[in-house]
Amino acid sequence: MTQPASTLNICPARDKTVDATSKHLEYMPAHNLYVSDLYKINEWLSLFARLDYNSCRYYQNRMNYNRWDTIDGFWTVDMKLIGILTSRLSLEVGAKNLFDENYQLTAGFPREGRIFFTVLRGKL
């Protein structure tokens, strides 16, 4: 049984203030796409997948404030298996940035690469 949760957010990220030097909003992507799905394999095992797209980001050049530079847009894919161990205990195993995309949210500060994780979650 599939439980989709999909979102498409297209944001016209524009600076509309009266004294704006540009239409760009610093470090904000003009477009973002987020799609995810939770697929129930059986009663105790599910697969969660997520696709995230961010378009290019603009930032003001610190040497020349009239110039705007860009940071490339990027795609990331995250996946995890969720296992129900008992009515009060679950185990998650997965990876973020599965295809090891190199990207930045802020100029000069690259984000981490592929990350593997496990989570043991308990309910009181």
PDB file of N, CA and C in Angstrom:
ATOM      1  N   MET A   1       0.849  -1.183   0.000  1.00  0.00           N
ATOM      2  CA  MET A   1       0.000   0.000   0.000  1.00  0.00           C
ATOM      3  C   MET A   1       0.887   1.236   0.000  1.00  0.00           C
ATOM      4  N   THR A   2       0.654   2.143  -0.933  1.00  0.00           N
ATOM      5  CA  THR A   2       1.461   3.343  -1.063  1.00  0.00           C
ATOM      6  C   THR A   2       0.748   4.532  -0.436  1.00  0.00           C
ATOM      7  N   GLN A   3       1.492   5.345   0.292  1.00  0.00           N
ATOM      8  CA  GLN A   3       0.957   6.568   0.878  1.00  0.00           C
ATOM      9  C   GLN A   3       1.784   7.733   0.354  1.00  0.00           C
ATOM     10  N   PRO A   4       1.455   8.287  -0.840  1.00  0.00           N
ATOM     11  CA  PRO A   4       2.278   9.351  -1.397  1.00  0.00           C
ATOM     12  C   PRO A   4       2.111  10.666  -0.647  1.00  0.00           C
ATOM     13  N   ALA A   5       3.202  11.403  -0.600  1.00  0.00           N
ATOM     14  CA  ALA A   5       3.191  12.744  -0.017  1.00  0.00           C
ATOM     15  C   ALA A   5       4.066  13.609  -0.910  1.00  0.00           C
ATOM     16  N   SER A   6       3.490  14.198  -1.919  1.00  0.00           N
ATOM     17  CA  SER A   6       4.262  14.941  -2.907  1.00  0.00           C
ATOM     18  C   SER A   6       3.949  16.420  -2.817  1.00  0.00           C
ATOM     19  N   THR A   7       4.983  17.227  -3.009  1.00  0.00           N
ATOM     20  CA  THR A   7       4.820  18.665  -2.974  1.00  0.00           C
ATOM     21  C   THR A   7       5.643  19.293  -4.082  1.00  0.00           C
ATOM     22  N   LEU A   8       5.069  20.245  -4.764  1.00  0.00           N
ATOM     23  CA  LEU A   8       5.797  21.055  -5.736  1.00  0.00           C
ATOM     24  C   LEU A   8       5.665  22.494  -5.286  1.00  0.00           C
ATOM     25  N   ASN A   9       6.776  23.115  -4.990  1.00  0.00           N
ATOM     26  CA  ASN A   9       6.770  24.495  -4.530  1.00  0.00           C
ATOM     27  C   ASN A   9       7.570  25.322  -5.528  1.00  0.00           C
ATOM     28  N   ILE A  10       6.892  26.170  -6.276  1.00  0.00           N
ATOM     29  CA  ILE A  10       7.576  27.078  -7.193  1.00  0.00           C
ATOM     30  C   ILE A  10       7.402  28.469  -6.622  1.00  0.00           C
ATOM     31  N   CYS A  11       8.470  28.986  -6.111  1.00  0.00           N
ATOM     32  CA  CYS A  11       8.438  30.271  -5.423  1.00  0.00           C
ATOM     33  C   CYS A  11       9.126  31.325  -6.274  1.00  0.00           C
ATOM     34  N   PRO A  12       8.384  32.329  -6.710  1.00  0.00           N
ATOM     35  CA  PRO A  12       9.054  33.408  -7.445  1.00  0.00           C
ATOM     36  C   PRO A  12       9.843  34.265  -6.461  1.00  0.00           C
ATOM     37  N   ALA A  13      11.019  33.816  -6.109  1.00  0.00           N
ATOM     38  CA  ALA A  13      11.842  34.487  -5.102  1.00  0.00           C
ATOM     39  C   ALA A  13      12.372  35.797  -5.674  1.00  0.00           C
ATOM     40  N   ARG A  14      11.655  36.845  -5.416  1.00  0.00           N
ATOM     41  CA  ARG A  14      12.025  38.158  -5.941  1.00  0.00           C
ATOM     42  C   ARG A  14      11.967  39.187  -4.825  1.00  0.00           C
ATOM     43  N   ASP A  15      12.926  40.079  -4.826  1.00  0.00           N
ATOM     44  CA  ASP A  15      12.955  41.177  -3.869  1.00  0.00           C
ATOM     45  C   ASP A  15      12.128  42.319  -4.448  1.00  0.00           C
ATOM     46  N   LYS A  16      11.015  42.647  -3.795  1.00  0.00           N
ATOM     47  CA  LYS A  16      10.118  43.689  -4.304  1.00  0.00           C
ATOM     48  C   LYS A  16      10.155  44.963  -3.461  1.00  0.00           C
ATOM     49  N   THR A  17      11.189  45.094  -2.614  1.00  0.00           N
ATOM     50  CA  THR A  17      11.286  46.312  -1.817  1.00  0.00           C
ATOM     51  C   THR A  17      11.621  47.503  -2.707  1.00  0.00           C
ATOM     52  N   VAL A  18      11.225  48.673  -2.279  1.00  0.00           N
ATOM     53  CA  VAL A  18      11.370  49.894  -3.084  1.00  0.00           C
ATOM     54  C   VAL A  18      12.831  50.203  -3.407  1.00  0.00           C
ATOM     55  N   ASP A  19      13.717  50.086  -2.436  1.00  0.00           N
ATOM     56  CA  ASP A  19      15.118  50.446  -2.644  1.00  0.00           C
ATOM     57  C   ASP A  19      16.003  49.240  -2.979  1.00  0.00           C
ATOM     58  N   ALA A  20      15.422  48.167  -3.497  1.00  0.00           N
ATOM     59  CA  ALA A  20      16.190  46.965  -3.828  1.00  0.00           C
ATOM     60  C   ALA A  20      17.182  47.252  -4.952  1.00  0.00           C
ATOM     61  N   THR A  21      18.382  46.702  -4.812  1.00  0.00           N
ATOM     62  CA  THR A  21      19.399  46.852  -5.854  1.00  0.00           C
ATOM     63  C   THR A  21      19.290  45.751  -6.895  1.00  0.00           C
ATOM     64  N   SER A  22      18.481  44.721  -6.599  1.00  0.00           N
ATOM     65  CA  SER A  22      18.302  43.592  -7.500  1.00  0.00           C
ATOM     66  C   SER A  22      16.986  42.911  -7.170  1.00  0.00           C
ATOM     67  N   LYS A  23      16.499  42.078  -8.060  1.00  0.00           N
ATOM     68  CA  LYS A  23      15.279  41.302  -7.801  1.00  0.00           C
ATOM     69  C   LYS A  23      15.566  40.017  -7.033  1.00  0.00           C
ATOM     70  N   HIS A  24      16.850  39.674  -6.841  1.00  0.00           N
ATOM     71  CA  HIS A  24      17.231  38.414  -6.198  1.00  0.00           C
ATOM     72  C   HIS A  24      17.092  38.478  -4.677  1.00  0.00           C
ATOM     73  N   LEU A  25      16.738  37.343  -4.083  1.00  0.00           N
ATOM     74  CA  LEU A  25      16.794  37.166  -2.637  1.00  0.00           C
ATOM     75  C   LEU A  25      18.013  36.304  -2.349  1.00  0.00           C
ATOM     76  N   GLU A  26      18.904  36.814  -1.539  1.00  0.00           N
ATOM     77  CA  GLU A  26      20.182  36.143  -1.323  1.00  0.00           C
ATOM     78  C   GLU A  26      20.010  34.753  -0.717  1.00  0.00           C
ATOM     79  N   TYR A  27      20.679  33.761  -1.336  1.00  0.00           N
ATOM     80  CA  TYR A  27      20.744  32.367  -0.890  1.00  0.00           C
ATOM     81  C   TYR A  27      19.396  31.643  -0.890  1.00  0.00           C
ATOM     82  N   MET A  28      18.405  32.166  -1.587  1.00  0.00           N
ATOM     83  CA  MET A  28      17.104  31.503  -1.703  1.00  0.00           C
ATOM     84  C   MET A  28      16.960  30.927  -3.101  1.00  0.00           C
ATOM     85  N   PRO A  29      16.628  29.633  -3.236  1.00  0.00           N
ATOM     86  CA  PRO A  29      16.421  29.089  -4.581  1.00  0.00           C
ATOM     87  C   PRO A  29      15.132  29.657  -5.176  1.00  0.00           C
ATOM     88  N   ALA A  30      15.146  29.917  -6.471  1.00  0.00           N
ATOM     89  CA  ALA A  30      13.943  30.418  -7.133  1.00  0.00           C
ATOM     90  C   ALA A  30      12.897  29.312  -7.228  1.00  0.00           C
ATOM     91  N   HIS A  31      13.340  28.057  -7.339  1.00  0.00           N
ATOM     92  CA  HIS A  31      12.424  26.935  -7.465  1.00  0.00           C
ATOM     93  C   HIS A  31      12.885  25.784  -6.582  1.00  0.00           C
ATOM     94  N   ASN A  32      11.907  25.079  -6.025  1.00  0.00           N
ATOM     95  CA  ASN A  32      12.186  23.923  -5.184  1.00  0.00           C
ATOM     96  C   ASN A  32      11.145  22.857  -5.481  1.00  0.00           C
ATOM     97  N   LEU A  33      11.587  21.620  -5.627  1.00  0.00           N
ATOM     98  CA  LEU A  33      10.692  20.489  -5.847  1.00  0.00           C
ATOM     99  C   LEU A  33      11.001  19.431  -4.805  1.00  0.00           C
ATOM    100  N   TYR A  34       9.965  18.958  -4.128  1.00  0.00           N
ATOM    101  CA  TYR A  34      10.113  17.922  -3.115  1.00  0.00           C
ATOM    102  C   TYR A  34       9.082  16.840  -3.403  1.00  0.00           C
ATOM    103  N   VAL A  35       9.533  15.607  -3.585  1.00  0.00           N
ATOM    104  CA  VAL A  35       8.638  14.483  -3.811  1.00  0.00           C
ATOM    105  C   VAL A  35       9.078  13.356  -2.888  1.00  0.00           C
ATOM    106  N   SER A  36       8.116  12.767  -2.175  1.00  0.00           N
ATOM    107  CA  SER A  36       8.449  11.646  -1.299  1.00  0.00           C
ATOM    108  C   SER A  36       7.337  10.610  -1.364  1.00  0.00           C
ATOM    109  N   ASP A  37       7.686   9.393  -0.951  1.00  0.00           N
ATOM    110  CA  ASP A  37       6.703   8.321  -0.940  1.00  0.00           C
ATOM    111  C   ASP A  37       7.079   7.315   0.142  1.00  0.00           C
ATOM    112  N   LEU A  38       6.069   6.805   0.816  1.00  0.00           N
ATOM    113  CA  LEU A  38       6.256   5.749   1.807  1.00  0.00           C
ATOM    114  C   LEU A  38       5.555   4.510   1.267  1.00  0.00           C
ATOM    115  N   TYR A  39       6.334   3.465   0.990  1.00  0.00           N
ATOM    116  CA  TYR A  39       5.787   2.229   0.431  1.00  0.00           C
ATOM    117  C   TYR A  39       5.838   1.143   1.492  1.00  0.00           C
ATOM    118  N   LYS A  40       4.673   0.610   1.828  1.00  0.00           N
ATOM    119  CA  LYS A  40       4.592  -0.438   2.837  1.00  0.00           C
ATOM    120  C   LYS A  40       4.804  -1.788   2.155  1.00  0.00           C
ATOM    121  N   ILE A  41       5.933  -2.432   2.428  1.00  0.00           N
ATOM    122  CA  ILE A  41       6.289  -3.716   1.817  1.00  0.00           C
ATOM    123  C   ILE A  41       5.449  -4.845   2.424  1.00  0.00           C
ATOM    124  N   ASN A  42       5.374  -4.857   3.744  1.00  0.00           N
ATOM    125  CA  ASN A  42       4.512  -5.802   4.453  1.00  0.00           C
ATOM    126  C   ASN A  42       4.131  -5.173   5.793  1.00  0.00           C
ATOM    127  N   GLU A  43       3.596  -5.957   6.709  1.00  0.00           N
ATOM    128  CA  GLU A  43       3.105  -5.411   7.986  1.00  0.00           C
ATOM    129  C   GLU A  43       4.203  -4.789   8.851  1.00  0.00           C
ATOM    130  N   TRP A  44       5.428  -5.244   8.693  1.00  0.00           N
ATOM    131  CA  TRP A  44       6.491  -4.757   9.575  1.00  0.00           C
ATOM    132  C   TRP A  44       7.622  -4.037   8.862  1.00  0.00           C
ATOM    133  N   LEU A  45       7.578  -3.922   7.525  1.00  0.00           N
ATOM    134  CA  LEU A  45       8.674  -3.286   6.788  1.00  0.00           C
ATOM    135  C   LEU A  45       8.143  -2.277   5.764  1.00  0.00           C
ATOM    136  N   SER A  46       8.721  -1.059   5.775  1.00  0.00           N
ATOM    137  CA  SER A  46       8.347   0.002   4.830  1.00  0.00           C
ATOM    138  C   SER A  46       9.601   0.617   4.228  1.00  0.00           C
ATOM    139  N   LEU A  47       9.453   1.213   3.048  1.00  0.00           N
ATOM    140  CA  LEU A  47      10.538   1.930   2.371  1.00  0.00           C
ATOM    141  C   LEU A  47      10.097   3.368   2.169  1.00  0.00           C
ATOM    142  N   PHE A  48      10.929   4.311   2.615  1.00  0.00           N
ATOM    143  CA  PHE A  48      10.666   5.733   2.423  1.00  0.00           C
ATOM    144  C   PHE A  48      11.720   6.288   1.460  1.00  0.00           C
ATOM    145  N   ALA A  49      11.277   7.014   0.434  1.00  0.00           N
ATOM    146  CA  ALA A  49      12.193   7.633  -0.530  1.00  0.00           C
ATOM    147  C   ALA A  49      11.812   9.095  -0.707  1.00  0.00           C
ATOM    148  N   ARG A  50      12.830   9.924  -0.939  1.00  0.00           N
ATOM    149  CA  ARG A  50      12.623  11.362  -1.081  1.00  0.00           C
ATOM    150  C   ARG A  50      13.540  11.895  -2.169  1.00  0.00           C
ATOM    151  N   LEU A  51      12.983  12.736  -3.036  1.00  0.00           N
ATOM    152  CA  LEU A  51      13.736  13.429  -4.079  1.00  0.00           C
ATOM    153  C   LEU A  51      13.568  14.921  -3.830  1.00  0.00           C
ATOM    154  N   ASP A  52      14.673  15.659  -3.807  1.00  0.00           N
ATOM    155  CA  ASP A  52      14.628  17.090  -3.517  1.00  0.00           C
ATOM    156  C   ASP A  52      15.448  17.833  -4.562  1.00  0.00           C
ATOM    157  N   TYR A  53      14.846  18.847  -5.203  1.00  0.00           N
ATOM    158  CA  TYR A  53      15.542  19.685  -6.182  1.00  0.00           C
ATOM    159  C   TYR A  53      15.527  21.130  -5.710  1.00  0.00           C
ATOM    160  N   ASN A  54      16.664  21.788  -5.790  1.00  0.00           N
ATOM    161  CA  ASN A  54      16.788  23.222  -5.517  1.00  0.00           C
ATOM    162  C   ASN A  54      17.462  23.863  -6.717  1.00  0.00           C
ATOM    163  N   SER A  55      16.853  24.915  -7.251  1.00  0.00           N
ATOM    164  CA  SER A  55      17.466  25.615  -8.381  1.00  0.00           C
ATOM    165  C   SER A  55      18.632  26.466  -7.877  1.00  0.00           C
ATOM    166  N   CYS A  56      19.271  27.181  -8.786  1.00  0.00           N
ATOM    167  CA  CYS A  56      20.438  27.987  -8.395  1.00  0.00           C
ATOM    168  C   CYS A  56      20.053  29.028  -7.349  1.00  0.00           C
ATOM    169  N   ARG A  57      21.047  29.440  -6.584  1.00  0.00           N
ATOM    170  CA  ARG A  57      20.887  30.472  -5.554  1.00  0.00           C
ATOM    171  C   ARG A  57      21.785  31.648  -5.921  1.00  0.00           C
ATOM    172  N   TYR A  58      21.317  32.831  -5.645  1.00  0.00           N
ATOM    173  CA  TYR A  58      22.082  34.041  -5.909  1.00  0.00           C
ATOM    174  C   TYR A  58      22.664  34.585  -4.614  1.00  0.00           C
ATOM    175  N   TYR A  59      23.832  35.167  -4.725  1.00  0.00           N
ATOM    176  CA  TYR A  59      24.412  35.859  -3.573  1.00  0.00           C
ATOM    177  C   TYR A  59      25.168  37.087  -4.073  1.00  0.00           C
ATOM    178  N   GLN A  60      25.201  38.096  -3.226  1.00  0.00           N
ATOM    179  CA  GLN A  60      25.836  39.359  -3.581  1.00  0.00           C
ATOM    180  C   GLN A  60      27.346  39.231  -3.439  1.00  0.00           C
ATOM    181  N   ASN A  61      28.068  39.632  -4.480  1.00  0.00           N
ATOM    182  CA  ASN A  61      29.517  39.602  -4.471  1.00  0.00           C
ATOM    183  C   ASN A  61      30.023  40.579  -3.406  1.00  0.00           C
ATOM    184  N   ARG A  62      30.873  40.124  -2.495  1.00  0.00           N
ATOM    185  CA  ARG A  62      31.338  40.958  -1.374  1.00  0.00           C
ATOM    186  C   ARG A  62      32.344  42.030  -1.794  1.00  0.00           C
ATOM    187  N   MET A  63      32.931  41.880  -2.979  1.00  0.00           N
ATOM    188  CA  MET A  63      33.872  42.895  -3.466  1.00  0.00           C
ATOM    189  C   MET A  63      33.158  43.962  -4.303  1.00  0.00           C
ATOM    190  N   ASN A  64      32.039  43.577  -4.920  1.00  0.00           N
ATOM    191  CA  ASN A  64      31.276  44.495  -5.760  1.00  0.00           C
ATOM    192  C   ASN A  64      29.793  44.222  -5.500  1.00  0.00           C
ATOM    193  N   TYR A  65      29.188  45.040  -4.649  1.00  0.00           N
ATOM    194  CA  TYR A  65      27.812  44.791  -4.218  1.00  0.00           C
ATOM    195  C   TYR A  65      26.785  44.934  -5.339  1.00  0.00           C
ATOM    196  N   ASN A  66      27.176  45.487  -6.473  1.00  0.00           N
ATOM    197  CA  ASN A  66      26.260  45.590  -7.615  1.00  0.00           C
ATOM    198  C   ASN A  66      26.256  44.305  -8.443  1.00  0.00           C
ATOM    199  N   ARG A  67      27.135  43.354  -8.127  1.00  0.00           N
ATOM    200  CA  ARG A  67      27.218  42.111  -8.884  1.00  0.00           C
ATOM    201  C   ARG A  67      26.662  40.952  -8.076  1.00  0.00           C
ATOM    202  N   TRP A  68      25.871  40.121  -8.718  1.00  0.00           N
ATOM    203  CA  TRP A  68      25.307  38.924  -8.093  1.00  0.00           C
ATOM    204  C   TRP A  68      25.920  37.692  -8.736  1.00  0.00           C
ATOM    205  N   ASP A  69      26.440  36.787  -7.926  1.00  0.00           N
ATOM    206  CA  ASP A  69      26.990  35.527  -8.397  1.00  0.00           C
ATOM    207  C   ASP A  69      25.990  34.410  -8.072  1.00  0.00           C
ATOM    208  N   THR A  70      26.217  33.232  -8.654  1.00  0.00           N
ATOM    209  CA  THR A  70      25.279  32.130  -8.425  1.00  0.00           C
ATOM    210  C   THR A  70      25.982  30.891  -7.875  1.00  0.00           C
ATOM    211  N   ILE A  71      25.207  30.113  -7.145  1.00  0.00           N
ATOM    212  CA  ILE A  71      25.599  28.782  -6.691  1.00  0.00           C
ATOM    213  C   ILE A  71      24.723  27.819  -7.483  1.00  0.00           C
ATOM    214  N   ASP A  72      25.329  26.785  -8.046  1.00  0.00           N
ATOM    215  CA  ASP A  72      24.581  25.835  -8.870  1.00  0.00           C
ATOM    216  C   ASP A  72      23.436  25.177  -8.108  1.00  0.00           C
ATOM    217  N   GLY A  73      22.386  24.844  -8.847  1.00  0.00           N
ATOM    218  CA  GLY A  73      21.288  24.073  -8.289  1.00  0.00           C
ATOM    219  C   GLY A  73      21.707  22.621  -8.090  1.00  0.00           C
ATOM    220  N   PHE A  74      20.891  21.847  -7.406  1.00  0.00           N
ATOM    221  CA  PHE A  74      21.264  20.462  -7.120  1.00  0.00           C
ATOM    222  C   PHE A  74      20.031  19.596  -6.867  1.00  0.00           C
ATOM    223  N   TRP A  75      20.231  18.276  -7.014  1.00  0.00           N
ATOM    224  CA  TRP A  75      19.255  17.242  -6.689  1.00  0.00           C
ATOM    225  C   TRP A  75      19.837  16.378  -5.582  1.00  0.00           C
ATOM    226  N   THR A  76      19.020  15.954  -4.636  1.00  0.00           N
ATOM    227  CA  THR A  76      19.439  14.948  -3.668  1.00  0.00           C
ATOM    228  C   THR A  76      18.360  13.872  -3.558  1.00  0.00           C
ATOM    229  N   VAL A  77      18.796  12.659  -3.225  1.00  0.00           N
ATOM    230  CA  VAL A  77      17.895  11.526  -3.029  1.00  0.00           C
ATOM    231  C   VAL A  77      18.211  10.912  -1.672  1.00  0.00           C
ATOM    232  N   ASP A  78      17.177  10.717  -0.867  1.00  0.00           N
ATOM    233  CA  ASP A  78      17.311  10.070   0.442  1.00  0.00           C
ATOM    234  C   ASP A  78      16.421   8.829   0.453  1.00  0.00           C
ATOM    235  N   MET A  79      16.883   7.760   1.101  1.00  0.00           N
ATOM    236  CA  MET A  79      16.092   6.527   1.227  1.00  0.00           C
ATOM    237  C   MET A  79      16.340   5.896   2.591  1.00  0.00           C
ATOM    238  N   LYS A  80      15.287   5.253   3.108  1.00  0.00           N
ATOM    239  CA  LYS A  80      15.462   4.500   4.349  1.00  0.00           C
ATOM    240  C   LYS A  80      14.446   3.362   4.420  1.00  0.00           C
ATOM    241  N   LEU A  81      14.860   2.272   5.068  1.00  0.00           N
ATOM    242  CA  LEU A  81      13.983   1.165   5.403  1.00  0.00           C
ATOM    243  C   LEU A  81      13.547   1.343   6.848  1.00  0.00           C
ATOM    244  N   ILE A  82      12.273   1.126   7.101  1.00  0.00           N
ATOM    245  CA  ILE A  82      11.723   1.256   8.444  1.00  0.00           C
ATOM    246  C   ILE A  82      11.149  -0.098   8.844  1.00  0.00           C
ATOM    247  N   GLY A  83      11.711  -0.676   9.885  1.00  0.00           N
ATOM    248  CA  GLY A  83      11.241  -1.970  10.367  1.00  0.00           C
ATOM    249  C   GLY A  83      10.568  -1.827  11.720  1.00  0.00           C
ATOM    250  N   ILE A  84       9.373  -2.396  11.850  1.00  0.00           N
ATOM    251  CA  ILE A  84       8.650  -2.396  13.126  1.00  0.00           C
ATOM    252  C   ILE A  84       9.065  -3.671  13.868  1.00  0.00           C
ATOM    253  N   LEU A  85       9.808  -3.498  14.960  1.00  0.00           N
ATOM    254  CA  LEU A  85      10.303  -4.647  15.723  1.00  0.00           C
ATOM    255  C   LEU A  85       9.257  -5.147  16.714  1.00  0.00           C
ATOM    256  N   THR A  86       8.655  -4.208  17.439  1.00  0.00           N
ATOM    257  CA  THR A  86       7.551  -4.510  18.364  1.00  0.00           C
ATOM    258  C   THR A  86       6.569  -3.341  18.277  1.00  0.00           C
ATOM    259  N   SER A  87       5.494  -3.402  19.047  1.00  0.00           N
ATOM    260  CA  SER A  87       4.517  -2.297  19.033  1.00  0.00           C
ATOM    261  C   SER A  87       5.119  -1.003  19.584  1.00  0.00           C
ATOM    262  N   ARG A  88       6.242  -1.100  20.288  1.00  0.00           N
ATOM    263  CA  ARG A  88       6.870   0.087  20.881  1.00  0.00           C
ATOM    264  C   ARG A  88       8.289   0.360  20.384  1.00  0.00           C
ATOM    265  N   LEU A  89       8.773  -0.426  19.432  1.00  0.00           N
ATOM    266  CA  LEU A  89      10.159  -0.303  18.990  1.00  0.00           C
ATOM    267  C   LEU A  89      10.268  -0.446  17.479  1.00  0.00           C
ATOM    268  N   SER A  90      10.989   0.513  16.848  1.00  0.00           N
ATOM    269  CA  SER A  90      11.226   0.432  15.399  1.00  0.00           C
ATOM    270  C   SER A  90      12.702   0.712  15.115  1.00  0.00           C
ATOM    271  N   LEU A  91      13.148   0.244  13.957  1.00  0.00           N
ATOM    272  CA  LEU A  91      14.528   0.419  13.522  1.00  0.00           C
ATOM    273  C   LEU A  91      14.518   1.003  12.113  1.00  0.00           C
ATOM    274  N   GLU A  92      15.304   2.062  11.901  1.00  0.00           N
ATOM    275  CA  GLU A  92      15.441   2.680  10.581  1.00  0.00           C
ATOM    276  C   GLU A  92      16.892   2.580  10.139  1.00  0.00           C
ATOM    277  N   VAL A  93      17.092   2.245   8.865  1.00  0.00           N
ATOM    278  CA  VAL A  93      18.427   2.175   8.274  1.00  0.00           C
ATOM    279  C   VAL A  93      18.332   2.860   6.922  1.00  0.00           C
ATOM    280  N   GLY A  94      19.237   3.829   6.664  1.00  0.00           N
ATOM    281  CA  GLY A  94      19.124   4.531   5.397  1.00  0.00           C
ATOM    282  C   GLY A  94      20.338   5.346   5.029  1.00  0.00           C
ATOM    283  N   ALA A  95      20.143   6.151   3.980  1.00  0.00           N
ATOM    284  CA  ALA A  95      21.203   7.030   3.480  1.00  0.00           C
ATOM    285  C   ALA A  95      20.600   8.356   3.038  1.00  0.00           C
ATOM    286  N   LYS A  96      21.299   9.437   3.335  1.00  0.00           N
ATOM    287  CA  LYS A  96      20.952  10.770   2.844  1.00  0.00           C
ATOM    288  C   LYS A  96      21.948  11.134   1.756  1.00  0.00           C
ATOM    289  N   ASN A  97      21.480  11.876   0.764  1.00  0.00           N
ATOM    290  CA  ASN A  97      22.320  12.249  -0.386  1.00  0.00           C
ATOM    291  C   ASN A  97      22.912  10.977  -1.001  1.00  0.00           C
ATOM    292  N   LEU A  98      22.044  10.045  -1.324  1.00  0.00           N
ATOM    293  CA  LEU A  98      22.410   8.696  -1.760  1.00  0.00           C
ATOM    294  C   LEU A  98      23.413   8.667  -2.906  1.00  0.00           C
ATOM    295  N   PHE A  99      23.311   9.590  -3.857  1.00  0.00           N
ATOM    296  CA  PHE A  99      24.207   9.598  -5.014  1.00  0.00           C
ATOM    297  C   PHE A  99      25.400  10.531  -4.831  1.00  0.00           C
ATOM    298  N   ASP A 100      25.637  10.981  -3.586  1.00  0.00           N
ATOM    299  CA  ASP A 100      26.813  11.772  -3.212  1.00  0.00           C
ATOM    300  C   ASP A 100      26.962  13.037  -4.050  1.00  0.00           C
ATOM    301  N   GLU A 101      25.871  13.780  -4.199  1.00  0.00           N
ATOM    302  CA  GLU A 101      25.865  15.044  -4.941  1.00  0.00           C
ATOM    303  C   GLU A 101      26.688  16.092  -4.179  1.00  0.00           C
ATOM    304  N   ASN A 102      27.578  16.793  -4.884  1.00  0.00           N
ATOM    305  CA  ASN A 102      28.330  17.899  -4.289  1.00  0.00           C
ATOM    306  C   ASN A 102      27.497  19.161  -4.443  1.00  0.00           C
ATOM    307  N   TYR A 103      27.183  19.824  -3.336  1.00  0.00           N
ATOM    308  CA  TYR A 103      26.373  21.036  -3.408  1.00  0.00           C
ATOM    309  C   TYR A 103      26.680  21.976  -2.258  1.00  0.00           C
ATOM    310  N   GLN A 104      26.232  23.225  -2.423  1.00  0.00           N
ATOM    311  CA  GLN A 104      26.415  24.255  -1.414  1.00  0.00           C
ATOM    312  C   GLN A 104      25.097  24.989  -1.210  1.00  0.00           C
ATOM    313  N   LEU A 105      24.806  25.370   0.019  1.00  0.00           N
ATOM    314  CA  LEU A 105      23.678  26.254   0.309  1.00  0.00           C
ATOM    315  C   LEU A 105      24.166  27.689   0.447  1.00  0.00           C
ATOM    316  N   THR A 106      25.422  27.837   0.837  1.00  0.00           N
ATOM    317  CA  THR A 106      26.076  29.134   0.999  1.00  0.00           C
ATOM    318  C   THR A 106      27.418  29.069   0.284  1.00  0.00           C
ATOM    319  N   ALA A 107      27.776  30.128  -0.412  1.00  0.00           N
ATOM    320  CA  ALA A 107      29.015  30.144  -1.197  1.00  0.00           C
ATOM    321  C   ALA A 107      30.229  29.842  -0.315  1.00  0.00           C
ATOM    322  N   GLY A 108      31.063  28.896  -0.767  1.00  0.00           N
ATOM    323  CA  GLY A 108      32.296  28.562  -0.067  1.00  0.00           C
ATOM    324  C   GLY A 108      32.155  27.540   1.048  1.00  0.00           C
ATOM    325  N   PHE A 109      30.934  27.055   1.302  1.00  0.00           N
ATOM    326  CA  PHE A 109      30.710  26.089   2.373  1.00  0.00           C
ATOM    327  C   PHE A 109      30.002  24.859   1.824  1.00  0.00           C
ATOM    328  N   PRO A 110      30.768  23.895   1.291  1.00  0.00           N
ATOM    329  CA  PRO A 110      30.140  22.690   0.733  1.00  0.00           C
ATOM    330  C   PRO A 110      29.445  21.870   1.815  1.00  0.00           C
ATOM    331  N   ARG A 111      28.355  21.233   1.432  1.00  0.00           N
ATOM    332  CA  ARG A 111      27.614  20.371   2.346  1.00  0.00           C
ATOM    333  C   ARG A 111      28.260  18.990   2.381  1.00  0.00           C
ATOM    334  N   GLU A 112      27.913  18.228   3.406  1.00  0.00           N
ATOM    335  CA  GLU A 112      28.460  16.886   3.552  1.00  0.00           C
ATOM    336  C   GLU A 112      28.016  16.004   2.386  1.00  0.00           C
ATOM    337  N   GLY A 113      28.751  14.954   2.157  1.00  0.00           N
ATOM    338  CA  GLY A 113      28.417  14.005   1.089  1.00  0.00           C
ATOM    339  C   GLY A 113      27.392  12.986   1.561  1.00  0.00           C
ATOM    340  N   ARG A 114      27.512  11.795   1.046  1.00  0.00           N
ATOM    341  CA  ARG A 114      26.586  10.718   1.410  1.00  0.00           C
ATOM    342  C   ARG A 114      26.727  10.397   2.900  1.00  0.00           C
ATOM    343  N   ILE A 115      25.588  10.212   3.557  1.00  0.00           N
ATOM    344  CA  ILE A 115      25.566   9.887   4.985  1.00  0.00           C
ATOM    345  C   ILE A 115      24.723   8.634   5.191  1.00  0.00           C
ATOM    346  N   PHE A 116      25.269   7.646   5.884  1.00  0.00           N
ATOM    347  CA  PHE A 116      24.507   6.463   6.261  1.00  0.00           C
ATOM    348  C   PHE A 116      24.093   6.614   7.723  1.00  0.00           C
ATOM    349  N   PHE A 117      22.909   6.125   8.070  1.00  0.00           N
ATOM    350  CA  PHE A 117      22.437   6.276   9.444  1.00  0.00           C
ATOM    351  C   PHE A 117      21.584   5.094   9.863  1.00  0.00           C
ATOM    352  N   THR A 118      21.485   4.927  11.169  1.00  0.00           N
ATOM    353  CA  THR A 118      20.547   3.982  11.777  1.00  0.00           C
ATOM    354  C   THR A 118      19.868   4.704  12.935  1.00  0.00           C
ATOM    355  N   VAL A 119      18.612   4.392  13.148  1.00  0.00           N
ATOM    356  CA  VAL A 119      17.836   4.991  14.233  1.00  0.00           C
ATOM    357  C   VAL A 119      17.062   3.873  14.917  1.00  0.00           C
ATOM    358  N   LEU A 120      17.201   3.801  16.215  1.00  0.00           N
ATOM    359  CA  LEU A 120      16.375   2.897  17.027  1.00  0.00           C
ATOM    360  C   LEU A 120      15.404   3.783  17.774  1.00  0.00           C
ATOM    361  N   ARG A 121      14.103   3.634  17.473  1.00  0.00           N
ATOM    362  CA  ARG A 121      13.098   4.526  18.031  1.00  0.00           C
ATOM    363  C   ARG A 121      12.174   3.745  18.974  1.00  0.00           C
ATOM    364  N   GLY A 122      12.012   4.259  20.185  1.00  0.00           N
ATOM    365  CA  GLY A 122      11.138   3.617  21.163  1.00  0.00           C
ATOM    366  C   GLY A 122      10.011   4.534  21.594  1.00  0.00           C
ATOM    367  N   LYS A 123       8.879   3.952  21.946  1.00  0.00           N
ATOM    368  CA  LYS A 123       7.717   4.694  22.459  1.00  0.00           C
ATOM    369  C   LYS A 123       7.486   4.299  23.909  1.00  0.00           C
ATOM    370  N   LEU A 124       7.147   5.278  24.719  1.00  0.00           N
ATOM    371  CA  LEU A 124       6.844   5.011  26.132  1.00  0.00           C
ATOM    372  C   LEU A 124       5.408   4.567  26.302  1.00  0.00           C
TER     373      LEU A 124
END
